[in-house]
Amino acid sequence: MFQKFFLSIPISLRFMLLSAFSFALMTACVKLVSTHNIPVFEIVAARGLVSLIISYVDIKRKKIPIWGNNKVLLIARGVVGTLALLCVYYAVTTLPLVEATLLQYLYPVFTAILAFLFLKERIQRSTLICILLCLLGLFAMVKPNLSLNSEVVLPWFSVFIALLGALGSGTAYVIVKRLSKCEDSSVIIFYFPLIALPLSIILLGDNFVMPDTEALILLLFVGIFTQMGQVGLTKAMQSEVAAKVSAFSYVQIIFSTILGVIIFNEVPSFWTLIGGILIILGALVNVFGSKKKQ
């Protein structure tokens, strides 16, 4: 019965669920490893090293050209993605896991707008409703914590950096959508760590911290879960409209909420639950709206 239900899920949604769960595990590992006083730039470098090795092996397995066709756009994807990643990791290490994830998940809004402007993709009504409900959910969760009267105030600088990360992620995903028409997914993924690794090492400078065994294992898992998330995301973007696929990715919020409770004892507030309901409602509107179109 479970297999029948699983096979009934659209392939793009399956890939996005895999991506969302992997990225949720990745952010949890990032937050955990930051407790070992490992700098953000070092975490990004470690992730880049693991992803670079896995991507290179995958390309060799496929026996395809490693450098791709549109090198300029591939490099641009790597640079934008790296800068966005730095912002996201900083937010994860300085904010509660759920709030950091929620702020980062403004990126589907940027993706939909940028895809409309540069890829000429029409934003379907169901996707628009989904985005509006999700934004309302985000506002419900974040606004109480940003209030001056709130007992828990989120650092404004961290919130700003998280929003920059969301914008960068949305830009990177639009570039991925454009590249997916002429590049293999493995090559697109390969260019990300190819840029992220040297750039993060340069920014790290003399601040390297030798990780202990536990931190080293966590860094390894950051790279592995990242690779799984990138594969799922790239495959999903190749099989659906960018705006609609990115709307599905909101399920990572649910995964992050669960991990936040289990690992970090971060119990969601009343407003977080209200916002989560709005986000789930938006996702359902998106799914059933797309079925009617079909």
C-alpha atoms as a PDB file:
ATOM      1  CA  MET A   1       0.000   0.000   0.000  1.00  0.00           C
ATOM      2  CA  PHE A   2       2.826   2.374   0.918  1.00  0.00           C
ATOM      3  CA  GLN A   3       4.599   1.561  -2.348  1.00  0.00           C
ATOM      4  CA  LYS A   4       1.438   2.336  -4.325  1.00  0.00           C
ATOM      5  CA  PHE A   5       1.042   5.654  -2.517  1.00  0.00           C
ATOM      6  CA  PHE A   6       4.719   6.503  -3.087  1.00  0.00           C
ATOM      7  CA  LEU A   7       4.491   5.756  -6.814  1.00  0.00           C
ATOM      8  CA  SER A   8       1.414   7.983  -7.085  1.00  0.00           C
ATOM      9  CA  ILE A   9       3.488  10.988  -5.987  1.00  0.00           C
ATOM     10  CA  PRO A  10       4.815  12.996  -8.979  1.00  0.00           C
ATOM     11  CA  ILE A  11       8.511  12.348  -9.623  1.00  0.00           C
ATOM     12  CA  SER A  12       9.374  16.036  -9.167  1.00  0.00           C
ATOM     13  CA  LEU A  13       7.729  16.042  -5.730  1.00  0.00           C
ATOM     14  CA  ARG A  14       9.614  12.902  -4.728  1.00  0.00           C
ATOM     15  CA  PHE A  15      12.917  14.531  -5.616  1.00  0.00           C
ATOM     16  CA  MET A  16      11.977  17.707  -3.749  1.00  0.00           C
ATOM     17  CA  LEU A  17      10.992  15.746  -0.630  1.00  0.00           C
ATOM     18  CA  LEU A  18      14.372  14.010  -0.744  1.00  0.00           C
ATOM     19  CA  SER A  19      16.055  17.382  -1.166  1.00  0.00           C
ATOM     20  CA  ALA A  20      14.108  19.033   1.678  1.00  0.00           C
ATOM     21  CA  PHE A  21      14.804  16.228   4.144  1.00  0.00           C
ATOM     22  CA  SER A  22      18.494  16.147   3.226  1.00  0.00           C
ATOM     23  CA  PHE A  23      18.870  19.907   3.616  1.00  0.00           C
ATOM     24  CA  ALA A  24      17.075  19.781   6.982  1.00  0.00           C
ATOM     25  CA  LEU A  25      19.562  17.179   8.202  1.00  0.00           C
ATOM     26  CA  MET A  26      22.401  19.270   6.770  1.00  0.00           C
ATOM     27  CA  THR A  27      21.366  22.423   8.647  1.00  0.00           C
ATOM     28  CA  ALA A  28      21.022  20.422  11.874  1.00  0.00           C
ATOM     29  CA  CYS A  29      24.582  19.141  11.406  1.00  0.00           C
ATOM     30  CA  VAL A  30      25.800  22.690  10.696  1.00  0.00           C
ATOM     31  CA  LYS A  31      24.237  23.946  13.932  1.00  0.00           C
ATOM     32  CA  LEU A  32      25.721  21.036  15.871  1.00  0.00           C
ATOM     33  CA  VAL A  33      29.222  21.462  14.471  1.00  0.00           C
ATOM     34  CA  SER A  34      29.121  25.200  15.218  1.00  0.00           C
ATOM     35  CA  THR A  35      28.963  24.296  18.922  1.00  0.00           C
ATOM     36  CA  HIS A  36      32.529  22.989  18.481  1.00  0.00           C
ATOM     37  CA  ASN A  37      33.652  26.558  17.623  1.00  0.00           C
ATOM     38  CA  ILE A  38      34.203  25.683  13.963  1.00  0.00           C
ATOM     39  CA  PRO A  39      34.049  28.898  11.829  1.00  0.00           C
ATOM     40  CA  VAL A  40      31.332  29.198   9.169  1.00  0.00           C
ATOM     41  CA  PHE A  41      33.933  29.499   6.397  1.00  0.00           C
ATOM     42  CA  GLU A  42      35.518  26.240   7.550  1.00  0.00           C
ATOM     43  CA  ILE A  43      32.149  24.482   7.545  1.00  0.00           C
ATOM     44  CA  VAL A  44      31.540  25.668   3.976  1.00  0.00           C
ATOM     45  CA  ALA A  45      35.032  24.515   2.951  1.00  0.00           C
ATOM     46  CA  ALA A  46      34.462  21.061   4.464  1.00  0.00           C
ATOM     47  CA  ARG A  47      31.113  20.779   2.720  1.00  0.00           C
ATOM     48  CA  GLY A  48      32.733  21.862  -0.540  1.00  0.00           C
ATOM     49  CA  LEU A  49      35.507  19.271  -0.250  1.00  0.00           C
ATOM     50  CA  VAL A  50      33.121  16.356   0.318  1.00  0.00           C
ATOM     51  CA  SER A  51      30.730  17.525  -2.417  1.00  0.00           C
ATOM     52  CA  LEU A  52      33.597  18.085  -4.868  1.00  0.00           C
ATOM     53  CA  ILE A  53      34.859  14.526  -4.448  1.00  0.00           C
ATOM     54  CA  ILE A  54      31.388  12.981  -4.751  1.00  0.00           C
ATOM     55  CA  SER A  55      30.514  15.140  -7.780  1.00  0.00           C
ATOM     56  CA  TYR A  56      33.772  14.348  -9.546  1.00  0.00           C
ATOM     57  CA  VAL A  57      33.295  10.592  -9.036  1.00  0.00           C
ATOM     58  CA  ASP A  58      29.709  10.860 -10.309  1.00  0.00           C
ATOM     59  CA  ILE A  59      30.787  12.701 -13.473  1.00  0.00           C
ATOM     60  CA  LYS A  60      33.489  10.123 -14.168  1.00  0.00           C
ATOM     61  CA  ARG A  61      30.930   7.365 -13.647  1.00  0.00           C
ATOM     62  CA  LYS A  62      28.675   8.949 -16.264  1.00  0.00           C
ATOM     63  CA  LYS A  63      31.643   9.466 -18.604  1.00  0.00           C
ATOM     64  CA  ILE A  64      30.570  12.990 -19.555  1.00  0.00           C
ATOM     65  CA  PRO A  65      32.694  16.155 -20.093  1.00  0.00           C
ATOM     66  CA  ILE A  66      33.553  17.597 -16.703  1.00  0.00           C
ATOM     67  CA  TRP A  67      33.579  21.303 -17.633  1.00  0.00           C
ATOM     68  CA  GLY A  68      30.155  21.506 -19.314  1.00  0.00           C
ATOM     69  CA  ASN A  69      29.083  23.852 -22.102  1.00  0.00           C
ATOM     70  CA  ASN A  70      28.014  27.212 -20.646  1.00  0.00           C
ATOM     71  CA  LYS A  71      31.019  27.832 -18.402  1.00  0.00           C
ATOM     72  CA  VAL A  72      30.135  31.470 -17.656  1.00  0.00           C
ATOM     73  CA  LEU A  73      26.687  30.578 -16.321  1.00  0.00           C
ATOM     74  CA  LEU A  74      28.058  27.550 -14.473  1.00  0.00           C
ATOM     75  CA  ILE A  75      30.638  29.732 -12.714  1.00  0.00           C
ATOM     76  CA  ALA A  76      27.945  32.322 -11.943  1.00  0.00           C
ATOM     77  CA  ARG A  77      25.805  29.594 -10.360  1.00  0.00           C
ATOM     78  CA  GLY A  78      28.778  28.538  -8.238  1.00  0.00           C
ATOM     79  CA  VAL A  79      29.590  32.069  -7.061  1.00  0.00           C
ATOM     80  CA  VAL A  80      25.990  33.059  -6.276  1.00  0.00           C
ATOM     81  CA  GLY A  81      25.322  29.726  -4.596  1.00  0.00           C
ATOM     82  CA  THR A  82      28.445  30.018  -2.450  1.00  0.00           C
ATOM     83  CA  LEU A  83      27.615  33.534  -1.241  1.00  0.00           C
ATOM     84  CA  ALA A  84      24.052  32.416  -0.469  1.00  0.00           C
ATOM     85  CA  LEU A  85      25.397  29.396   1.407  1.00  0.00           C
ATOM     86  CA  LEU A  86      27.628  31.564   3.580  1.00  0.00           C
ATOM     87  CA  CYS A  87      24.614  33.673   4.521  1.00  0.00           C
ATOM     88  CA  VAL A  88      22.452  30.629   5.253  1.00  0.00           C
ATOM     89  CA  TYR A  89      25.101  28.969   7.418  1.00  0.00           C
ATOM     90  CA  TYR A  90      25.649  32.174   9.385  1.00  0.00           C
ATOM     91  CA  ALA A  91      21.905  32.388  10.021  1.00  0.00           C
ATOM     92  CA  VAL A  92      21.734  28.729  11.088  1.00  0.00           C
ATOM     93  CA  THR A  93      24.571  29.186  13.594  1.00  0.00           C
ATOM     94  CA  THR A  94      23.169  32.414  15.107  1.00  0.00           C
ATOM     95  CA  LEU A  95      19.403  31.773  15.064  1.00  0.00           C
ATOM     96  CA  PRO A  96      17.123  28.950  16.290  1.00  0.00           C
ATOM     97  CA  LEU A  97      16.957  26.209  13.646  1.00  0.00           C
ATOM     98  CA  VAL A  98      13.273  26.707  12.781  1.00  0.00           C
ATOM     99  CA  GLU A  99      13.510  30.499  12.458  1.00  0.00           C
ATOM    100  CA  ALA A 100      16.674  30.262  10.354  1.00  0.00           C
ATOM    101  CA  THR A 101      14.978  27.771   8.045  1.00  0.00           C
ATOM    102  CA  LEU A 102      11.844  29.891   7.788  1.00  0.00           C
ATOM    103  CA  LEU A 103      13.776  33.009   6.801  1.00  0.00           C
ATOM    104  CA  GLN A 104      15.810  31.076   4.267  1.00  0.00           C
ATOM    105  CA  TYR A 105      12.584  29.740   2.791  1.00  0.00           C
ATOM    106  CA  LEU A 106      11.653  33.077   1.373  1.00  0.00           C
ATOM    107  CA  TYR A 107      13.755  31.939  -1.581  1.00  0.00           C
ATOM    108  CA  PRO A 108      10.841  30.285  -3.467  1.00  0.00           C
ATOM    109  CA  VAL A 109       9.243  33.721  -3.638  1.00  0.00           C
ATOM    110  CA  PHE A 110      12.410  35.142  -5.199  1.00  0.00           C
ATOM    111  CA  THR A 111      12.624  32.086  -7.481  1.00  0.00           C
ATOM    112  CA  ALA A 112       9.086  32.559  -8.775  1.00  0.00           C
ATOM    113  CA  ILE A 113       9.624  36.280  -9.422  1.00  0.00           C
ATOM    114  CA  LEU A 114      13.044  35.827 -11.027  1.00  0.00           C
ATOM    115  CA  ALA A 115      11.821  32.889 -13.132  1.00  0.00           C
ATOM    116  CA  PHE A 116       8.969  35.097 -14.362  1.00  0.00           C
ATOM    117  CA  LEU A 117      11.338  37.971 -15.204  1.00  0.00           C
ATOM    118  CA  PHE A 118      14.227  36.048 -16.772  1.00  0.00           C
ATOM    119  CA  LEU A 119      12.828  32.666 -17.842  1.00  0.00           C
ATOM    120  CA  LYS A 120       9.414  33.992 -18.876  1.00  0.00           C
ATOM    121  CA  GLU A 121       7.723  31.301 -16.773  1.00  0.00           C
ATOM    122  CA  ARG A 122       4.094  32.002 -16.001  1.00  0.00           C
ATOM    123  CA  ILE A 123       3.227  31.899 -12.299  1.00  0.00           C
ATOM    124  CA  GLN A 124       0.145  29.689 -11.999  1.00  0.00           C
ATOM    125  CA  ARG A 125      -2.681  30.767  -9.729  1.00  0.00           C
ATOM    126  CA  SER A 126      -2.210  27.806  -7.379  1.00  0.00           C
ATOM    127  CA  THR A 127       1.491  28.606  -7.010  1.00  0.00           C
ATOM    128  CA  LEU A 128       0.695  32.267  -6.340  1.00  0.00           C
ATOM    129  CA  ILE A 129      -1.822  31.332  -3.625  1.00  0.00           C
ATOM    130  CA  CYS A 130       0.709  28.931  -2.134  1.00  0.00           C
ATOM    131  CA  ILE A 131       3.388  31.635  -2.004  1.00  0.00           C
ATOM    132  CA  LEU A 132       1.014  34.162  -0.423  1.00  0.00           C
ATOM    133  CA  LEU A 133      -0.103  31.701   2.263  1.00  0.00           C
ATOM    134  CA  CYS A 134       3.483  30.696   2.950  1.00  0.00           C
ATOM    135  CA  LEU A 135       4.568  34.313   3.276  1.00  0.00           C
ATOM    136  CA  LEU A 136       1.685  34.911   5.681  1.00  0.00           C
ATOM    137  CA  GLY A 137       2.829  31.876   7.634  1.00  0.00           C
ATOM    138  CA  LEU A 138       6.369  33.189   7.730  1.00  0.00           C
ATOM    139  CA  PHE A 139       5.130  36.553   8.979  1.00  0.00           C
ATOM    140  CA  ALA A 140       3.069  34.884  11.716  1.00  0.00           C
ATOM    141  CA  MET A 141       6.120  32.989  12.943  1.00  0.00           C
ATOM    142  CA  VAL A 142       8.762  35.695  12.696  1.00  0.00           C
ATOM    143  CA  LYS A 143       6.880  38.915  13.585  1.00  0.00           C
ATOM    144  CA  PRO A 144       6.240  38.116  17.297  1.00  0.00           C
ATOM    145  CA  ASN A 145       9.937  37.381  17.797  1.00  0.00           C
ATOM    146  CA  LEU A 146      10.955  40.620  16.123  1.00  0.00           C
ATOM    147  CA  SER A 147       8.697  42.702  18.369  1.00  0.00           C
ATOM    148  CA  LEU A 148      10.367  44.934  20.921  1.00  0.00           C
ATOM    149  CA  ASN A 149       7.986  43.546  23.538  1.00  0.00           C
ATOM    150  CA  SER A 150       8.883  39.948  22.805  1.00  0.00           C
ATOM    151  CA  GLU A 151      10.803  37.903  25.344  1.00  0.00           C
ATOM    152  CA  VAL A 152      12.852  36.359  22.535  1.00  0.00           C
ATOM    153  CA  VAL A 153      14.206  38.876  20.064  1.00  0.00           C
ATOM    154  CA  LEU A 154      15.921  37.652  16.919  1.00  0.00           C
ATOM    155  CA  PRO A 155      19.178  39.469  16.069  1.00  0.00           C
ATOM    156  CA  TRP A 156      18.361  41.896  13.273  1.00  0.00           C
ATOM    157  CA  PHE A 157      21.729  41.413  11.580  1.00  0.00           C
ATOM    158  CA  SER A 158      21.212  37.640  11.476  1.00  0.00           C
ATOM    159  CA  VAL A 159      17.720  38.158  10.036  1.00  0.00           C
ATOM    160  CA  PHE A 160      19.133  40.480   7.344  1.00  0.00           C
ATOM    161  CA  ILE A 161      21.864  37.980   6.426  1.00  0.00           C
ATOM    162  CA  ALA A 162      19.269  35.203   6.253  1.00  0.00           C
ATOM    163  CA  LEU A 163      17.182  37.272   3.826  1.00  0.00           C
ATOM    164  CA  LEU A 164      20.261  37.881   1.661  1.00  0.00           C
ATOM    165  CA  GLY A 165      20.788  34.130   1.673  1.00  0.00           C
ATOM    166  CA  ALA A 166      17.210  33.605   0.526  1.00  0.00           C
ATOM    167  CA  LEU A 167      17.665  36.055  -2.343  1.00  0.00           C
ATOM    168  CA  GLY A 168      20.929  34.391  -3.343  1.00  0.00           C
ATOM    169  CA  SER A 169      19.346  30.937  -3.221  1.00  0.00           C
ATOM    170  CA  GLY A 170      16.447  32.061  -5.400  1.00  0.00           C
ATOM    171  CA  THR A 171      18.886  33.519  -7.932  1.00  0.00           C
ATOM    172  CA  ALA A 172      20.976  30.344  -7.938  1.00  0.00           C
ATOM    173  CA  TYR A 173      17.927  28.127  -8.514  1.00  0.00           C
ATOM    174  CA  VAL A 174      16.821  30.215 -11.495  1.00  0.00           C
ATOM    175  CA  ILE A 175      20.306  29.813 -12.969  1.00  0.00           C
ATOM    176  CA  VAL A 176      20.043  26.063 -12.370  1.00  0.00           C
ATOM    177  CA  LYS A 177      16.748  26.012 -14.240  1.00  0.00           C
ATOM    178  CA  ARG A 178      18.354  27.767 -17.209  1.00  0.00           C
ATOM    179  CA  LEU A 179      21.390  25.464 -17.130  1.00  0.00           C
ATOM    180  CA  SER A 180      19.249  22.325 -16.914  1.00  0.00           C
ATOM    181  CA  LYS A 181      18.327  22.832 -20.572  1.00  0.00           C
ATOM    182  CA  CYS A 182      21.909  22.348 -21.763  1.00  0.00           C
ATOM    183  CA  GLU A 183      23.893  20.792 -18.901  1.00  0.00           C
ATOM    184  CA  ASP A 184      23.871  17.460 -17.096  1.00  0.00           C
ATOM    185  CA  SER A 185      22.747  17.713 -13.473  1.00  0.00           C
ATOM    186  CA  SER A 186      26.059  16.280 -12.233  1.00  0.00           C
ATOM    187  CA  VAL A 187      28.034  19.029 -13.981  1.00  0.00           C
ATOM    188  CA  ILE A 188      25.768  21.729 -12.512  1.00  0.00           C
ATOM    189  CA  ILE A 189      26.258  20.271  -9.047  1.00  0.00           C
ATOM    190  CA  PHE A 190      30.030  19.929  -9.583  1.00  0.00           C
ATOM    191  CA  TYR A 191      30.559  23.638 -10.198  1.00  0.00           C
ATOM    192  CA  PHE A 192      29.074  24.546  -6.826  1.00  0.00           C
ATOM    193  CA  PRO A 193      31.821  22.988  -4.636  1.00  0.00           C
ATOM    194  CA  LEU A 194      34.389  23.841  -7.319  1.00  0.00           C
ATOM    195  CA  ILE A 195      33.771  27.522  -6.508  1.00  0.00           C
ATOM    196  CA  ALA A 196      32.781  27.163  -2.854  1.00  0.00           C
ATOM    197  CA  LEU A 197      35.912  25.298  -1.725  1.00  0.00           C
ATOM    198  CA  PRO A 198      38.638  27.768  -2.809  1.00  0.00           C
ATOM    199  CA  LEU A 199      36.513  30.833  -2.027  1.00  0.00           C
ATOM    200  CA  SER A 200      35.749  29.686   1.523  1.00  0.00           C
ATOM    201  CA  ILE A 201      39.411  28.775   2.131  1.00  0.00           C
ATOM    202  CA  ILE A 202      40.473  32.277   1.060  1.00  0.00           C
ATOM    203  CA  LEU A 203      37.867  33.873   3.346  1.00  0.00           C
ATOM    204  CA  LEU A 204      38.831  31.553   6.221  1.00  0.00           C
ATOM    205  CA  GLY A 205      42.399  32.834   6.239  1.00  0.00           C
ATOM    206  CA  ASP A 206      44.238  31.998   9.468  1.00  0.00           C
ATOM    207  CA  ASN A 207      41.089  31.166  11.448  1.00  0.00           C
ATOM    208  CA  PHE A 208      41.250  27.411  10.857  1.00  0.00           C
ATOM    209  CA  VAL A 209      40.212  25.314  13.878  1.00  0.00           C
ATOM    210  CA  MET A 210      41.314  21.679  14.065  1.00  0.00           C
ATOM    211  CA  PRO A 211      38.072  19.670  14.516  1.00  0.00           C
ATOM    212  CA  ASP A 212      37.862  16.815  17.008  1.00  0.00           C
ATOM    213  CA  THR A 213      36.475  13.415  16.006  1.00  0.00           C
ATOM    214  CA  GLU A 214      32.813  14.332  16.596  1.00  0.00           C
ATOM    215  CA  ALA A 215      33.128  17.606  14.699  1.00  0.00           C
ATOM    216  CA  LEU A 216      34.905  15.832  11.846  1.00  0.00           C
ATOM    217  CA  ILE A 217      32.064  13.310  11.519  1.00  0.00           C
ATOM    218  CA  LEU A 218      29.493  16.130  11.553  1.00  0.00           C
ATOM    219  CA  LEU A 219      31.415  17.985   8.840  1.00  0.00           C
ATOM    220  CA  LEU A 220      31.429  14.810   6.757  1.00  0.00           C
ATOM    221  CA  PHE A 221      27.659  14.469   7.127  1.00  0.00           C
ATOM    222  CA  VAL A 222      27.211  18.141   6.173  1.00  0.00           C
ATOM    223  CA  GLY A 223      28.822  17.309   2.833  1.00  0.00           C
ATOM    224  CA  ILE A 224      26.918  14.057   2.323  1.00  0.00           C
ATOM    225  CA  PHE A 225      23.484  15.503   3.136  1.00  0.00           C
ATOM    226  CA  THR A 226      24.271  18.536   0.988  1.00  0.00           C
ATOM    227  CA  GLN A 227      25.049  16.315  -1.980  1.00  0.00           C
ATOM    228  CA  MET A 228      21.806  14.389  -1.514  1.00  0.00           C
ATOM    229  CA  GLY A 229      19.886  17.665  -1.297  1.00  0.00           C
ATOM    230  CA  GLN A 230      21.566  19.087  -4.397  1.00  0.00           C
ATOM    231  CA  VAL A 231      20.833  15.954  -6.437  1.00  0.00           C
ATOM    232  CA  GLY A 232      17.175  15.954  -5.398  1.00  0.00           C
ATOM    233  CA  LEU A 233      16.805  19.671  -6.068  1.00  0.00           C
ATOM    234  CA  THR A 234      18.506  19.597  -9.473  1.00  0.00           C
ATOM    235  CA  LYS A 235      16.474  16.585 -10.617  1.00  0.00           C
ATOM    236  CA  ALA A 236      13.260  18.260  -9.443  1.00  0.00           C
ATOM    237  CA  MET A 237      14.092  21.502 -11.257  1.00  0.00           C
ATOM    238  CA  GLN A 238      14.693  19.557 -14.467  1.00  0.00           C
ATOM    239  CA  SER A 239      11.260  17.929 -14.308  1.00  0.00           C
ATOM    240  CA  GLU A 240       8.956  20.814 -13.385  1.00  0.00           C
ATOM    241  CA  VAL A 241       8.367  24.563 -13.558  1.00  0.00           C
ATOM    242  CA  ALA A 242      10.812  26.382 -11.252  1.00  0.00           C
ATOM    243  CA  ALA A 243       8.196  28.303  -9.253  1.00  0.00           C
ATOM    244  CA  LYS A 244       6.034  25.227  -8.578  1.00  0.00           C
ATOM    245  CA  VAL A 245       8.928  22.941  -7.602  1.00  0.00           C
ATOM    246  CA  SER A 246      10.355  25.541  -5.219  1.00  0.00           C
ATOM    247  CA  ALA A 247       6.938  25.861  -3.544  1.00  0.00           C
ATOM    248  CA  PHE A 248       7.075  22.152  -2.648  1.00  0.00           C
ATOM    249  CA  SER A 249      10.347  22.697  -0.818  1.00  0.00           C
ATOM    250  CA  TYR A 250       8.543  24.348   2.113  1.00  0.00           C
ATOM    251  CA  VAL A 251       8.208  20.891   3.623  1.00  0.00           C
ATOM    252  CA  GLN A 252      11.776  21.345   4.895  1.00  0.00           C
ATOM    253  CA  ILE A 253      10.283  23.646   7.545  1.00  0.00           C
ATOM    254  CA  ILE A 254       8.382  20.689   8.989  1.00  0.00           C
ATOM    255  CA  PHE A 255      11.500  18.537   8.979  1.00  0.00           C
ATOM    256  CA  SER A 256      13.544  21.309  10.634  1.00  0.00           C
ATOM    257  CA  THR A 257      10.866  21.842  13.278  1.00  0.00           C
ATOM    258  CA  ILE A 258      10.952  18.159  14.207  1.00  0.00           C
ATOM    259  CA  LEU A 259      14.766  18.115  14.294  1.00  0.00           C
ATOM    260  CA  GLY A 260      14.790  21.313  16.350  1.00  0.00           C
ATOM    261  CA  VAL A 261      12.582  19.706  18.997  1.00  0.00           C
ATOM    262  CA  ILE A 262      14.439  16.391  19.080  1.00  0.00           C
ATOM    263  CA  ILE A 263      18.038  17.614  18.886  1.00  0.00           C
ATOM    264  CA  PHE A 264      18.026  21.181  20.229  1.00  0.00           C
ATOM    265  CA  ASN A 265      14.929  21.126  22.459  1.00  0.00           C
ATOM    266  CA  GLU A 266      13.529  24.115  20.530  1.00  0.00           C
ATOM    267  CA  VAL A 267       9.793  23.801  21.138  1.00  0.00           C
ATOM    268  CA  PRO A 268       7.773  25.763  18.546  1.00  0.00           C
ATOM    269  CA  SER A 269       5.682  28.645  19.879  1.00  0.00           C
ATOM    270  CA  PHE A 270       1.968  29.156  19.275  1.00  0.00           C
ATOM    271  CA  TRP A 271       2.735  31.538  16.395  1.00  0.00           C
ATOM    272  CA  THR A 272       5.118  29.009  14.880  1.00  0.00           C
ATOM    273  CA  LEU A 273       2.318  26.445  14.836  1.00  0.00           C
ATOM    274  CA  ILE A 274      -0.090  28.952  13.242  1.00  0.00           C
ATOM    275  CA  GLY A 275       2.476  29.795  10.598  1.00  0.00           C
ATOM    276  CA  GLY A 276       3.181  26.120   9.984  1.00  0.00           C
ATOM    277  CA  ILE A 277      -0.523  25.441   9.386  1.00  0.00           C
ATOM    278  CA  LEU A 278      -0.649  28.270   6.828  1.00  0.00           C
ATOM    279  CA  ILE A 279       2.401  26.912   5.060  1.00  0.00           C
ATOM    280  CA  ILE A 280       1.023  23.372   4.905  1.00  0.00           C
ATOM    281  CA  LEU A 281      -2.292  24.760   3.633  1.00  0.00           C
ATOM    282  CA  GLY A 282      -0.416  26.630   0.928  1.00  0.00           C
ATOM    283  CA  ALA A 283       1.396  23.464  -0.112  1.00  0.00           C
ATOM    284  CA  LEU A 284      -1.919  21.562  -0.364  1.00  0.00           C
ATOM    285  CA  VAL A 285      -3.423  24.322  -2.524  1.00  0.00           C
ATOM    286  CA  ASN A 286      -0.398  24.059  -4.783  1.00  0.00           C
ATOM    287  CA  VAL A 287      -0.634  20.280  -5.123  1.00  0.00           C
ATOM    288  CA  PHE A 288      -4.390  20.078  -5.755  1.00  0.00           C
ATOM    289  CA  GLY A 289      -4.325  23.167  -7.969  1.00  0.00           C
ATOM    290  CA  SER A 290      -1.737  21.571 -10.225  1.00  0.00           C
ATOM    291  CA  LYS A 291      -3.797  18.386 -10.500  1.00  0.00           C
ATOM    292  CA  LYS A 292      -6.784  20.378 -11.742  1.00  0.00           C
ATOM    293  CA  LYS A 293      -4.582  21.966 -14.428  1.00  0.00           C
ATOM    294  CA  GLN A 294      -3.620  18.496 -15.589  1.00  0.00           C
END
